Every structure is written in structure tokens, then in C-alpha cells.
C-alpha atoms as a PDB file:
ATOM      1  CA  MET A   1      80.476 115.473  86.042  1.00  0.00           C
ATOM      2  CA  SER A   2      79.406 112.418  84.237  1.00  0.00           C
ATOM      3  CA  PRO A   3      75.921 110.967  85.533  1.00  0.00           C
ATOM      4  CA  VAL A   4      76.046 107.822  87.714  1.00  0.00           C
ATOM      5  CA  THR A   5      74.605 105.079  85.891  1.00  0.00           C
ATOM      6  CA  ASP A   6      72.472 102.100  87.546  1.00  0.00           C
ATOM      7  CA  ALA A   7      75.215  99.813  86.679  1.00  0.00           C
ATOM      8  CA  LEU A   8      78.087 102.269  88.033  1.00  0.00           C
ATOM      9  CA  HIS A   9      75.855 102.793  91.204  1.00  0.00           C
ATOM     10  CA  ASP A  10      75.489  99.019  91.966  1.00  0.00           C
ATOM     11  CA  ALA A  11      79.323  98.274  91.241  1.00  0.00           C
ATOM     12  CA  VAL A  12      80.160 101.157  93.642  1.00  0.00           C
ATOM     13  CA  LEU A  13      77.560 100.190  96.309  1.00  0.00           C
ATOM     14  CA  THR A  14      78.694  96.716  96.149  1.00  0.00           C
ATOM     15  CA  GLU A  15      82.346  97.734  96.813  1.00  0.00           C
ATOM     16  CA  ALA A  16      81.509  99.987  99.600  1.00  0.00           C
ATOM     17  CA  LEU A  17      79.534  97.583 101.435  1.00  0.00           C
ATOM     18  CA  SER A  18      81.832  94.769 101.096  1.00  0.00           C
ATOM     19  CA  GLY A  19      84.827  96.758 101.978  1.00  0.00           C
ATOM     20  CA  LEU A  20      83.397  99.035 104.715  1.00  0.00           C
ATOM     21  CA  ASN A  21      80.500  97.002 106.474  1.00  0.00           C
ATOM     22  CA  LYS A  22      83.077  94.900 108.459  1.00  0.00           C
ATOM     23  CA  PRO A  23      82.882  93.127 111.990  1.00  0.00           C
ATOM     24  CA  ALA A  24      84.425  95.188 114.717  1.00  0.00           C
ATOM     25  CA  GLY A  25      88.210  94.940 114.467  1.00  0.00           C
ATOM     26  CA  GLU A  26      88.535  93.567 110.818  1.00  0.00           C
ATOM     27  CA  GLN A  27      90.301  96.128 108.321  1.00  0.00           C
ATOM     28  CA  LYS A  28      87.974  98.332 106.393  1.00  0.00           C
ATOM     29  CA  THR A  29      88.950  98.645 102.706  1.00  0.00           C
ATOM     30  CA  LEU A  30      88.207 100.474  99.496  1.00  0.00           C
ATOM     31  CA  PRO A  31      89.367  99.244  96.239  1.00  0.00           C
ATOM     32  CA  PRO A  32      91.640 101.796  94.360  1.00  0.00           C
ATOM     33  CA  TRP A  33      89.596 101.854  91.098  1.00  0.00           C
ATOM     34  CA  LEU A  34      87.315 103.913  92.903  1.00  0.00           C
ATOM     35  CA  PHE A  35      90.002 106.935  92.996  1.00  0.00           C
ATOM     36  CA  TYR A  36      89.406 107.432  89.250  1.00  0.00           C
ATOM     37  CA  ASP A  37      86.356 109.427  88.552  1.00  0.00           C
ATOM     38  CA  GLU A  38      86.981 112.815  86.782  1.00  0.00           C
ATOM     39  CA  LEU A  39      88.531 114.718  89.600  1.00  0.00           C
ATOM     40  CA  GLY A  40      90.331 111.863  90.899  1.00  0.00           C
ATOM     41  CA  SER A  41      92.023 111.360  87.485  1.00  0.00           C
ATOM     42  CA  HIS A  42      93.053 115.058  87.254  1.00  0.00           C
ATOM     43  CA  LEU A  43      94.494 114.901  90.960  1.00  0.00           C
ATOM     44  CA  PHE A  44      96.420 111.768  89.921  1.00  0.00           C
ATOM     45  CA  ASP A  45      97.812 113.889  87.042  1.00  0.00           C
ATOM     46  CA  GLN A  46      98.905 116.477  89.314  1.00  0.00           C
ATOM     47  CA  ILE A  47     100.744 113.811  91.769  1.00  0.00           C
ATOM     48  CA  THR A  48     102.686 112.722  88.551  1.00  0.00           C
ATOM     49  CA  THR A  49     104.404 116.203  88.439  1.00  0.00           C
ATOM     50  CA  LEU A  50     105.244 116.595  92.184  1.00  0.00           C
ATOM     51  CA  PRO A  51     108.731 116.871  93.213  1.00  0.00           C
ATOM     52  CA  GLU A  52     108.554 113.943  95.412  1.00  0.00           C
ATOM     53  CA  TYR A  53     107.065 111.691  93.089  1.00  0.00           C
ATOM     54  CA  TYR A  54     109.873 110.240  91.273  1.00  0.00           C
ATOM     55  CA  LEU A  55     108.014 107.200  89.331  1.00  0.00           C
ATOM     56  CA  THR A  56     106.638 109.195  86.256  1.00  0.00           C
ATOM     57  CA  ARG A  57     109.660 111.107  85.436  1.00  0.00           C
ATOM     58  CA  THR A  58     112.034 108.252  85.956  1.00  0.00           C
ATOM     59  CA  GLU A  59     109.975 105.983  84.066  1.00  0.00           C
ATOM     60  CA  ARG A  60     109.571 108.744  81.348  1.00  0.00           C
ATOM     61  CA  ALA A  61     113.284 108.853  81.155  1.00  0.00           C
ATOM     62  CA  ILE A  62     113.680 105.146  80.686  1.00  0.00           C
ATOM     63  CA  LEU A  63     111.052 104.957  78.216  1.00  0.00           C
ATOM     64  CA  ALA A  64     112.678 107.815  76.043  1.00  0.00           C
ATOM     65  CA  LYS A  65     115.991 106.051  76.177  1.00  0.00           C
ATOM     66  CA  VAL A  66     114.493 102.323  75.139  1.00  0.00           C
ATOM     67  CA  ALA A  67     111.882 103.978  72.569  1.00  0.00           C
ATOM     68  CA  PRO A  68     114.233 104.233  69.584  1.00  0.00           C
ATOM     69  CA  SER A  69     115.433 100.438  69.656  1.00  0.00           C
ATOM     70  CA  LEU A  70     111.973  99.304  70.076  1.00  0.00           C
ATOM     71  CA  PRO A  71     110.576  99.396  66.449  1.00  0.00           C
ATOM     72  CA  LEU A  72     113.784  97.800  65.178  1.00  0.00           C
ATOM     73  CA  HIS A  73     113.896  95.123  67.528  1.00  0.00           C
ATOM     74  CA  LEU A  74     110.073  93.824  67.221  1.00  0.00           C
ATOM     75  CA  ILE A  75     110.807  94.065  63.552  1.00  0.00           C
ATOM     76  CA  ALA A  76     107.268  93.448  62.387  1.00  0.00           C
ATOM     77  CA  ALA A  77     104.407  95.883  62.093  1.00  0.00           C
ATOM     78  CA  VAL A  78     102.997  96.827  65.593  1.00  0.00           C
ATOM     79  CA  THR A  79      99.351  97.661  66.935  1.00  0.00           C
ATOM     80  CA  ILE A  80      99.968  98.961  70.632  1.00  0.00           C
ATOM     81  CA  ALA A  81      97.350  98.317  73.080  1.00  0.00           C
ATOM     82  CA  GLU A  82      97.461  99.769  76.623  1.00  0.00           C
ATOM     83  CA  LEU A  83      95.849  98.725  79.990  1.00  0.00           C
ATOM     84  CA  GLY A  84      95.268 101.795  82.562  1.00  0.00           C
ATOM     85  CA  ALA A  85      96.258 104.155  79.647  1.00  0.00           C
ATOM     86  CA  GLY A  86      94.706 107.304  81.436  1.00  0.00           C
ATOM     87  CA  SER A  87      95.509 110.105  79.481  1.00  0.00           C
ATOM     88  CA  ALA A  88      98.767 108.397  77.805  1.00  0.00           C
ATOM     89  CA  SER A  89     101.169 111.464  78.688  1.00  0.00           C
ATOM     90  CA  LYS A  90     104.278 108.930  78.442  1.00  0.00           C
ATOM     91  CA  THR A  91     102.599 106.698  75.666  1.00  0.00           C
ATOM     92  CA  GLY A  92     103.439 109.278  73.110  1.00  0.00           C
ATOM     93  CA  ILE A  93     107.090 108.688  73.476  1.00  0.00           C
ATOM     94  CA  LEU A  94     106.322 105.141  71.742  1.00  0.00           C
ATOM     95  CA  LEU A  95     103.958 106.275  69.585  1.00  0.00           C
ATOM     96  CA  ARG A  96     106.130 108.771  67.675  1.00  0.00           C
ATOM     97  CA  GLU A  97     108.792 106.151  67.203  1.00  0.00           C
ATOM     98  CA  PHE A  98     106.452 103.759  65.932  1.00  0.00           C
ATOM     99  CA  ALA A  99     104.691 106.074  63.740  1.00  0.00           C
ATOM    100  CA  ASP A 100     107.870 107.162  62.297  1.00  0.00           C
ATOM    101  CA  HIS A 101     108.624 103.594  61.405  1.00  0.00           C
ATOM    102  CA  GLN A 102     105.088 102.201  60.119  1.00  0.00           C
ATOM    103  CA  GLN A 103     102.224 103.461  58.291  1.00  0.00           C
ATOM    104  CA  GLY A 104      98.733 103.548  59.892  1.00  0.00           C
ATOM    105  CA  LEU A 105      99.544 102.790  63.427  1.00  0.00           C
ATOM    106  CA  LEU A 106      96.391 101.764  65.789  1.00  0.00           C
ATOM    107  CA  TYR A 107      96.659 102.687  69.388  1.00  0.00           C
ATOM    108  CA  GLN A 108      94.059 100.841  71.534  1.00  0.00           C
ATOM    109  CA  PRO A 109      93.965 102.598  74.951  1.00  0.00           C
ATOM    110  CA  ILE A 110      91.925 100.862  77.487  1.00  0.00           C
ATOM    111  CA  ASP A 111      91.048 102.622  80.862  1.00  0.00           C
ATOM    112  CA  ILE A 112      87.831 102.974  83.189  1.00  0.00           C
ATOM    113  CA  SER A 113      87.940 106.681  82.869  1.00  0.00           C
ATOM    114  CA  PRO A 114      86.157 108.078  79.588  1.00  0.00           C
ATOM    115  CA  THR A 115      87.512 111.672  80.711  1.00  0.00           C
ATOM    116  CA  ALA A 116      91.287 110.526  80.394  1.00  0.00           C
ATOM    117  CA  LEU A 117      90.448 108.519  77.414  1.00  0.00           C
ATOM    118  CA  ASP A 118      88.920 111.692  75.571  1.00  0.00           C
ATOM    119  CA  GLU A 119      91.971 113.565  76.615  1.00  0.00           C
ATOM    120  CA  ALA A 120      94.417 111.048  75.395  1.00  0.00           C
ATOM    121  CA  ALA A 121      92.711 110.501  72.070  1.00  0.00           C
ATOM    122  CA  ALA A 122      92.526 114.674  71.640  1.00  0.00           C
ATOM    123  CA  SER A 123      96.292 115.007  72.414  1.00  0.00           C
ATOM    124  CA  ILE A 124      97.494 112.218  70.206  1.00  0.00           C
ATOM    125  CA  GLY A 125      95.542 113.308  67.539  1.00  0.00           C
ATOM    126  CA  ALA A 126      96.750 116.553  67.607  1.00  0.00           C
ATOM    127  CA  HIS A 127     100.210 116.069  68.145  1.00  0.00           C
ATOM    128  CA  ILE A 128     101.119 112.662  66.768  1.00  0.00           C
ATOM    129  CA  PRO A 129     100.172 112.482  62.965  1.00  0.00           C
ATOM    130  CA  GLY A 130      99.448 108.915  61.383  1.00  0.00           C
ATOM    131  CA  VAL A 131      98.028 107.137  64.808  1.00  0.00           C
ATOM    132  CA  THR A 132      94.332 106.033  65.026  1.00  0.00           C
ATOM    133  CA  VAL A 133      93.085 105.828  68.313  1.00  0.00           C
ATOM    134  CA  ALA A 134      90.466 103.243  69.359  1.00  0.00           C
ATOM    135  CA  PRO A 135      89.683 103.954  73.029  1.00  0.00           C
ATOM    136  CA  GLN A 136      87.983 101.473  74.896  1.00  0.00           C
ATOM    137  CA  VAL A 137      86.077 102.462  78.331  1.00  0.00           C
ATOM    138  CA  ALA A 138      86.526  99.408  80.577  1.00  0.00           C
ATOM    139  CA  ASN A 139      87.794  98.321  83.979  1.00  0.00           C
ATOM    140  CA  TYR A 140      90.394  95.782  82.746  1.00  0.00           C
ATOM    141  CA  THR A 141      90.316  93.838  86.207  1.00  0.00           C
ATOM    142  CA  THR A 142      86.708  93.261  86.261  1.00  0.00           C
ATOM    143  CA  GLU A 143      85.363  93.354  82.902  1.00  0.00           C
ATOM    144  CA  THR A 144      85.701  92.043  79.385  1.00  0.00           C
ATOM    145  CA  PHE A 145      87.974  94.028  76.920  1.00  0.00           C
ATOM    146  CA  THR A 146      89.272  93.126  73.316  1.00  0.00           C
ATOM    147  CA  ILE A 147      92.499  93.671  71.369  1.00  0.00           C
ATOM    148  CA  THR A 148      91.881  94.153  67.630  1.00  0.00           C
ATOM    149  CA  ARG A 149      95.156  92.721  65.634  1.00  0.00           C
ATOM    150  CA  PRO A 150      95.236  94.159  62.193  1.00  0.00           C
ATOM    151  CA  PRO A 151      96.505  91.792  59.478  1.00  0.00           C
ATOM    152  CA  ASP A 152     100.142  90.704  59.858  1.00  0.00           C
ATOM    153  CA  HIS A 153     100.661  93.029  62.974  1.00  0.00           C
ATOM    154  CA  THR A 154     102.395  91.997  66.220  1.00  0.00           C
ATOM    155  CA  ILE A 155     100.715  93.418  69.212  1.00  0.00           C
ATOM    156  CA  LEU A 156     102.712  95.231  71.897  1.00  0.00           C
ATOM    157  CA  ALA A 157     100.781  95.314  74.998  1.00  0.00           C
ATOM    158  CA  LEU A 158     101.794  98.323  77.410  1.00  0.00           C
ATOM    159  CA  TYR A 159     101.246  98.161  81.056  1.00  0.00           C
ATOM    160  CA  ILE A 160     103.457 101.075  82.358  1.00  0.00           C
ATOM    161  CA  GLY A 161     103.187 103.708  85.332  1.00  0.00           C
ATOM    162  CA  SER A 162     103.685 100.859  87.923  1.00  0.00           C
ATOM    163  CA  SER A 163      99.991 100.236  87.713  1.00  0.00           C
ATOM    164  CA  ILE A 164     100.653  96.630  88.308  1.00  0.00           C
ATOM    165  CA  GLY A 165     102.021  97.423  91.823  1.00  0.00           C
ATOM    166  CA  ASN A 166      98.395  98.406  92.785  1.00  0.00           C
ATOM    167  CA  PHE A 167      97.310  95.074  92.844  1.00  0.00           C
ATOM    168  CA  GLY A 168      98.264  91.720  95.291  1.00  0.00           C
ATOM    169  CA  PRO A 169     100.618  89.114  94.100  1.00  0.00           C
ATOM    170  CA  ASP A 170      97.853  86.945  92.993  1.00  0.00           C
ATOM    171  CA  GLU A 171      95.781  89.584  91.329  1.00  0.00           C
ATOM    172  CA  GLN A 172      99.059  90.712  89.332  1.00  0.00           C
ATOM    173  CA  VAL A 173      99.299  87.208  87.840  1.00  0.00           C
ATOM    174  CA  ALA A 174      95.602  87.153  87.298  1.00  0.00           C
ATOM    175  CA  ILE A 175      95.964  90.419  85.383  1.00  0.00           C
ATOM    176  CA  LEU A 176      98.853  89.486  83.184  1.00  0.00           C
ATOM    177  CA  THR A 177      97.392  86.144  82.490  1.00  0.00           C
ATOM    178  CA  ASN A 178      94.341  87.559  81.313  1.00  0.00           C
ATOM    179  CA  LEU A 179      96.509  89.868  79.076  1.00  0.00           C
ATOM    180  CA  ARG A 180      98.476  87.077  77.780  1.00  0.00           C
ATOM    181  CA  ALA A 181      95.220  85.296  76.706  1.00  0.00           C
ATOM    182  CA  HIS A 182      94.785  88.296  74.157  1.00  0.00           C
ATOM    183  CA  LEU A 183      98.029  87.560  72.813  1.00  0.00           C
ATOM    184  CA  GLU A 184      99.841  85.265  70.593  1.00  0.00           C
ATOM    185  CA  PRO A 185     103.423  83.663  71.054  1.00  0.00           C
ATOM    186  CA  GLY A 186     105.824  86.499  69.835  1.00  0.00           C
ATOM    187  CA  ASP A 187     103.587  89.368  70.926  1.00  0.00           C
ATOM    188  CA  ALA A 188     105.278  91.687  73.450  1.00  0.00           C
ATOM    189  CA  LEU A 189     104.700  93.368  76.520  1.00  0.00           C
ATOM    190  CA  LEU A 190     106.188  96.378  77.852  1.00  0.00           C
ATOM    191  CA  LEU A 191     105.924  96.865  81.817  1.00  0.00           C
ATOM    192  CA  GLY A 192     106.677  99.458  83.912  1.00  0.00           C
ATOM    193  CA  VAL A 193     107.340  98.661  87.875  1.00  0.00           C
ATOM    194  CA  ASP A 194     108.544 100.677  90.770  1.00  0.00           C
ATOM    195  CA  LEU A 195     111.541  98.954  92.679  1.00  0.00           C
ATOM    196  CA  ALA A 196     111.980  98.207  96.455  1.00  0.00           C
ATOM    197  CA  PRO A 197     114.301 100.220  98.340  1.00  0.00           C
ATOM    198  CA  GLY A 198     117.940  99.668  97.892  1.00  0.00           C
ATOM    199  CA  PRO A 199     121.291 101.543  97.814  1.00  0.00           C
ATOM    200  CA  GLY A 200     119.808 104.289  95.434  1.00  0.00           C
ATOM    201  CA  LYS A 201     116.390 104.434  97.403  1.00  0.00           C
ATOM    202  CA  THR A 202     115.299 104.575 100.783  1.00  0.00           C
ATOM    203  CA  PRO A 203     112.088 103.710 102.374  1.00  0.00           C
ATOM    204  CA  ALA A 204     111.784 107.593 103.241  1.00  0.00           C
ATOM    205  CA  THR A 205     112.083 108.723  99.434  1.00  0.00           C
ATOM    206  CA  LEU A 206     109.216 106.050  98.929  1.00  0.00           C
ATOM    207  CA  VAL A 207     106.831 107.231 101.514  1.00  0.00           C
ATOM    208  CA  ALA A 208     107.262 110.935 100.270  1.00  0.00           C
ATOM    209  CA  ALA A 209     106.000 109.891  96.882  1.00  0.00           C
ATOM    210  CA  TYR A 210     102.727 109.067  98.431  1.00  0.00           C
ATOM    211  CA  ASP A 211     102.677 111.984 100.904  1.00  0.00           C
ATOM    212  CA  ASP A 212     103.764 115.032  99.275  1.00  0.00           C
ATOM    213  CA  ALA A 213     104.175 118.199 101.008  1.00  0.00           C
ATOM    214  CA  ALA A 214     101.506 119.905  98.824  1.00  0.00           C
ATOM    215  CA  GLY A 215      98.898 117.590 100.115  1.00  0.00           C
ATOM    216  CA  ILE A 216      97.874 116.598  96.312  1.00  0.00           C
ATOM    217  CA  THR A 217      98.080 112.899  97.521  1.00  0.00           C
ATOM    218  CA  ALA A 218      95.882 113.487 100.690  1.00  0.00           C
ATOM    219  CA  ALA A 219      93.345 115.366  98.265  1.00  0.00           C
ATOM    220  CA  PHE A 220      93.379 112.408  95.813  1.00  0.00           C
ATOM    221  CA  ASN A 221      92.939 109.787  98.885  1.00  0.00           C
ATOM    222  CA  LYS A 222      90.367 111.649 100.200  1.00  0.00           C
ATOM    223  CA  ASN A 223      88.301 111.929  96.949  1.00  0.00           C
ATOM    224  CA  ILE A 224      87.371 108.412  97.077  1.00  0.00           C
ATOM    225  CA  LEU A 225      84.890 109.576  99.893  1.00  0.00           C
ATOM    226  CA  THR A 226      83.834 112.357  98.113  1.00  0.00           C
ATOM    227  CA  ARG A 227      82.936 109.944  95.241  1.00  0.00           C
ATOM    228  CA  LEU A 228      80.757 107.719  97.698  1.00  0.00           C
ATOM    229  CA  ASN A 229      79.093 110.797  98.624  1.00  0.00           C
ATOM    230  CA  ARG A 230      78.376 111.917  95.364  1.00  0.00           C
ATOM    231  CA  ASP A 231      77.413 108.201  93.890  1.00  0.00           C
ATOM    232  CA  LEU A 232      75.684 106.671  96.902  1.00  0.00           C
ATOM    233  CA  GLY A 233      74.505 109.920  98.961  1.00  0.00           C
ATOM    234  CA  THR A 234      76.692 108.592 101.790  1.00  0.00           C
ATOM    235  CA  ASN A 235      77.577 111.339 104.568  1.00  0.00           C
ATOM    236  CA  PHE A 236      81.073 111.147 104.825  1.00  0.00           C
ATOM    237  CA  ASN A 237      82.743 114.389 106.494  1.00  0.00           C
ATOM    238  CA  LEU A 238      85.976 114.538 104.955  1.00  0.00           C
ATOM    239  CA  ASP A 239      87.325 116.798 107.740  1.00  0.00           C
ATOM    240  CA  ASN A 240      87.092 113.697 110.156  1.00  0.00           C
ATOM    241  CA  PHE A 241      89.466 111.672 108.095  1.00  0.00           C
ATOM    242  CA  ALA A 242      93.379 111.902 107.416  1.00  0.00           C
ATOM    243  CA  HIS A 243      95.814 110.638 104.849  1.00  0.00           C
ATOM    244  CA  ARG A 244      98.276 108.184 105.996  1.00  0.00           C
ATOM    245  CA  ALA A 245     101.011 106.561 103.968  1.00  0.00           C
ATOM    246  CA  LEU A 246     103.348 103.795 105.401  1.00  0.00           C
ATOM    247  CA  TRP A 247     106.165 101.489 104.080  1.00  0.00           C
ATOM    248  CA  ASN A 248     105.254  97.889 104.790  1.00  0.00           C
ATOM    249  CA  PRO A 249     108.715  96.076 104.328  1.00  0.00           C
ATOM    250  CA  VAL A 250     107.274  92.588 105.081  1.00  0.00           C
ATOM    251  CA  ASP A 251     104.787  92.883 102.137  1.00  0.00           C
ATOM    252  CA  SER A 252     107.352  95.014 100.056  1.00  0.00           C
ATOM    253  CA  ARG A 253     104.514  97.610  99.453  1.00  0.00           C
ATOM    254  CA  ILE A 254     103.301 101.271 100.372  1.00  0.00           C
ATOM    255  CA  GLU A 255      99.973 101.377 101.839  1.00  0.00           C
ATOM    256  CA  MET A 256      97.551 104.164 101.806  1.00  0.00           C
ATOM    257  CA  HIS A 257      95.112 104.553 104.253  1.00  0.00           C
ATOM    258  CA  LEU A 258      92.259 106.979 105.501  1.00  0.00           C
ATOM    259  CA  GLU A 259      92.321 107.385 109.236  1.00  0.00           C
ATOM    260  CA  SER A 260      89.285 108.492 111.306  1.00  0.00           C
ATOM    261  CA  LEU A 261      90.238 111.320 113.612  1.00  0.00           C
ATOM    262  CA  ILE A 262      87.003 110.784 115.770  1.00  0.00           C
ATOM    263  CA  ASP A 263      84.403 108.002 116.721  1.00  0.00           C
ATOM    264  CA  GLN A 264      81.825 108.534 114.123  1.00  0.00           C
ATOM    265  CA  THR A 265      79.290 106.693 112.173  1.00  0.00           C
ATOM    266  CA  VAL A 266      78.712 106.886 108.276  1.00  0.00           C
ATOM    267  CA  ARG A 267      75.474 105.861 106.742  1.00  0.00           C
ATOM    268  CA  ILE A 268      75.363 103.917 103.327  1.00  0.00           C
ATOM    269  CA  GLU A 269      71.766 103.711 102.220  1.00  0.00           C
ATOM    270  CA  ASP A 270      70.102 101.721 104.910  1.00  0.00           C
ATOM    271  CA  HIS A 271      73.328 100.680 106.439  1.00  0.00           C
ATOM    272  CA  ARG A 272      75.445 102.612 109.340  1.00  0.00           C
ATOM    273  CA  ILE A 273      79.193 102.069 109.236  1.00  0.00           C
ATOM    274  CA  PRO A 274      80.646 102.602 112.796  1.00  0.00           C
ATOM    275  CA  PHE A 275      84.359 103.931 112.942  1.00  0.00           C
ATOM    276  CA  THR A 276      86.373 104.368 116.388  1.00  0.00           C
ATOM    277  CA  ALA A 277      89.063 107.080 116.550  1.00  0.00           C
ATOM    278  CA  GLY A 278      92.281 105.641 114.763  1.00  0.00           C
ATOM    279  CA  GLU A 279      90.585 103.186 112.789  1.00  0.00           C
ATOM    280  CA  THR A 280      91.486 103.191 108.862  1.00  0.00           C
ATOM    281  CA  ILE A 281      90.193 102.561 105.629  1.00  0.00           C
ATOM    282  CA  HIS A 282      92.902 100.686 103.478  1.00  0.00           C
ATOM    283  CA  THR A 283      92.601 102.253 100.065  1.00  0.00           C
ATOM    284  CA  GLU A 284      95.789 101.324  98.199  1.00  0.00           C
ATOM    285  CA  ASN A 285      98.655  99.126  98.209  1.00  0.00           C
ATOM    286  CA  SER A 286     101.708 100.056  96.033  1.00  0.00           C
ATOM    287  CA  TYR A 287     104.028  96.787  95.649  1.00  0.00           C
ATOM    288  CA  LYS A 288     107.566  97.200  95.120  1.00  0.00           C
ATOM    289  CA  PHE A 289     109.502  94.843  93.010  1.00  0.00           C
ATOM    290  CA  THR A 290     112.943  93.011  93.026  1.00  0.00           C
ATOM    291  CA  ASP A 291     114.784  91.761  89.856  1.00  0.00           C
ATOM    292  CA  ALA A 292     113.882  88.210  91.059  1.00  0.00           C
ATOM    293  CA  SER A 293     110.005  89.093  91.984  1.00  0.00           C
ATOM    294  CA  LEU A 294     109.645  90.336  88.671  1.00  0.00           C
ATOM    295  CA  GLN A 295     111.075  87.487  86.958  1.00  0.00           C
ATOM    296  CA  THR A 296     108.808  85.080  88.982  1.00  0.00           C
ATOM    297  CA  LEU A 297     105.741  87.481  87.894  1.00  0.00           C
ATOM    298  CA  LEU A 298     106.351  87.242  84.331  1.00  0.00           C
ATOM    299  CA  THR A 299     107.250  83.481  84.166  1.00  0.00           C
ATOM    300  CA  ASP A 300     103.880  82.859  86.254  1.00  0.00           C
ATOM    301  CA  SER A 301     101.966  84.890  83.861  1.00  0.00           C
ATOM    302  CA  GLY A 302     103.203  83.436  80.551  1.00  0.00           C
ATOM    303  CA  PHE A 303     106.018  85.796  79.524  1.00  0.00           C
ATOM    304  CA  ALA A 304     109.777  85.484  79.055  1.00  0.00           C
ATOM    305  CA  LEU A 305     112.038  88.230  80.038  1.00  0.00           C
ATOM    306  CA  ASP A 306     113.722  90.035  76.993  1.00  0.00           C
ATOM    307  CA  GLN A 307     115.054  93.267  78.125  1.00  0.00           C
ATOM    308  CA  LEU A 308     115.359  95.032  81.715  1.00  0.00           C
ATOM    309  CA  HIS A 309     116.124  98.551  81.955  1.00  0.00           C
ATOM    310  CA  HIS A 310     116.850 100.519  85.052  1.00  0.00           C
ATOM    311  CA  ASP A 311     117.695 104.007  86.011  1.00  0.00           C
ATOM    312  CA  SER A 312     121.136 104.816  87.271  1.00  0.00           C
ATOM    313  CA  ALA A 313     119.627 104.644  90.932  1.00  0.00           C
ATOM    314  CA  ARG A 314     117.695 101.361  90.209  1.00  0.00           C
ATOM    315  CA  ARG A 315     114.626 103.097  91.683  1.00  0.00           C
ATOM    316  CA  PHE A 316     112.553 101.977  88.694  1.00  0.00           C
ATOM    317  CA  ALA A 317     112.406  99.356  85.876  1.00  0.00           C
ATOM    318  CA  VAL A 318     111.177  99.270  82.498  1.00  0.00           C
ATOM    319  CA  VAL A 319     110.747  95.626  81.221  1.00  0.00           C
ATOM    320  CA  LEU A 320     110.298  94.217  77.671  1.00  0.00           C
ATOM    321  CA  ALA A 321     108.835  90.763  77.798  1.00  0.00           C
ATOM    322  CA  GLU A 322     107.791  88.210  75.116  1.00  0.00           C
ATOM    323  CA  ALA A 323     104.383  86.109  75.467  1.00  0.00           C
ATOM    324  CA  VAL A 324     105.286  82.290  75.204  1.00  0.00           C
END
């Protein structure tokens, strides 16, 4: 386990106190970036293989279908930069296609997890010849990151995995607008988004994807408390909290919560945080899109829709958009 630096300790403490030290009756929260320590990253990789979690395999199938045409569609030599790259397990589909069409492909994964980036660099280096990996450890929502542009190259920015859905509508626009500021007109964005329930997808299908029978998502959710115990010396008892997932149709999002099963008090340094039985910590949202809301997001962020690809059941979409 990597040591906790002073800067990371301070960042985690700030988030924990601002989210949990709330007046009685106000919703307690923790930000989802706290999930992704070394264990959390591994647990999320397990989630993506679960039978209930259709998102990863559906997006992978769409990418496999779309990838062969992308180098020809974009024409110019490309450098690929990816927000929230993780271990880049799906990105290899695209890297192979572009590496077959050009020499010296530069891939720039940006992620908060150094462990995931190390895995990505090792896997790509071993399996995809001709790709140079330049990883960058950064929280792309709060920290500055850079994208290098080789001479005469177009940037293809990737933001896949439905990661955009973990942020509220205003944050979604802010993230894509910030990404757009690193691009020039004619550069491209490949965005993966999960879709709202429809004829081929029920709310029950959605909830099961975030509350699997094996309990992996529950362990992932509770790991945020384990991280606080480790990084801050808090005294959360994980057995006193339960994982909850629910569909919020008004806001078009799945919500993940940790419910306190008893009345209890938790220590965060010199603060005491009371919980009543049934009170929850809201740990994550996963917003689901319609074609219309997706179009609005792109327009508001400085992009124009180029291609929109769905699976046959319209559960998931991959979008190619142009920076304007």
C-alpha cells in the first residue's frame, strides 16, 4: 500500500469533514474519487466482470465495432489522451487499430491511481508494439493536467467507461469544458455514457448492476470507509454500515449510499460525527443519459456530435464528437 503523503492526507481530511460533519438532518456525503485507492481500483476491475454489470462488456462491444473505422475517419496522425484511464483494459481495442495505421503512437493516460496506471503501461507495453505510454497521475477534476501534442497530430481524447455519469450536470459540463480547453478545433472526443431506462432496459437491470449478488460492489462502497480509517485514523466499523443502491428517476441517476445500521459516533481526528440508525452517507451518483441530454451536454461543453453508436438494446452509447 502506498504511503499517505501530507498533501493526500489533507485532501482526504478536507473531503471527509466537509462531507460528514453536517448539521443534523442534512445529507452526509463522500466524493467518489475516494474509492480509488489500490484496493478500490482492484475491486472496481472485479465489478466490471460481473454478470450484472452490463456496462463494461456492452461498451467494449461497441468500441470493437467502431474502432476499425476511426483511424480512417480521423485521417490525420493521432495522439490519444484518456481521462480516468484506470488500467485501460478497453482502450487497447483502440490503441491496436491506431498503432496499425501510424508509427509512434503516443498514449497519455490520466488517472488518480498510480497502481492502475502502472498496470496499464505494463500491459500495453507487453501487448501492443509501437505505442509509447506517457502516464500522468492527477485527479482530472481538481488538479491541472497536460496533454502533449506531437507536431502535426490531432488529439483524440477518450472519456469512456461512463465515468462522466459520476458527476452532476454542472460538473459534467465543467469537466468537458476543461478538456475542450486542451484541444484545438478539429480534435475529437470519444465519450462513453450509460443510458436511461427504456424499452430494452428496466430500472431493475440498472439497480442490479450496482448491487450485485456476489457483494463486490458492496465491498467497493465500504472500502471508502476502510480508506478513511487508514488515511485519517478514523474508527469506522464496517459491520455497522450497509451498502444501498437505488434508482432516482427524477434526477435520472443511480445513487449509492452507506446506511448506518445503528446509532453510533465516529471519530475524525478531533471531531465526533454522530449517525442515527437509517442515516446514510451518499457516496456516488451515476447519471444516465438520453440522446437529448447527451446532445445538450456536448453543445454546452464546446463539442459537436459527429457519430452516435448504441448497442441493439440501447443500454449504452459511445459518442464521437468534434471540438468546435
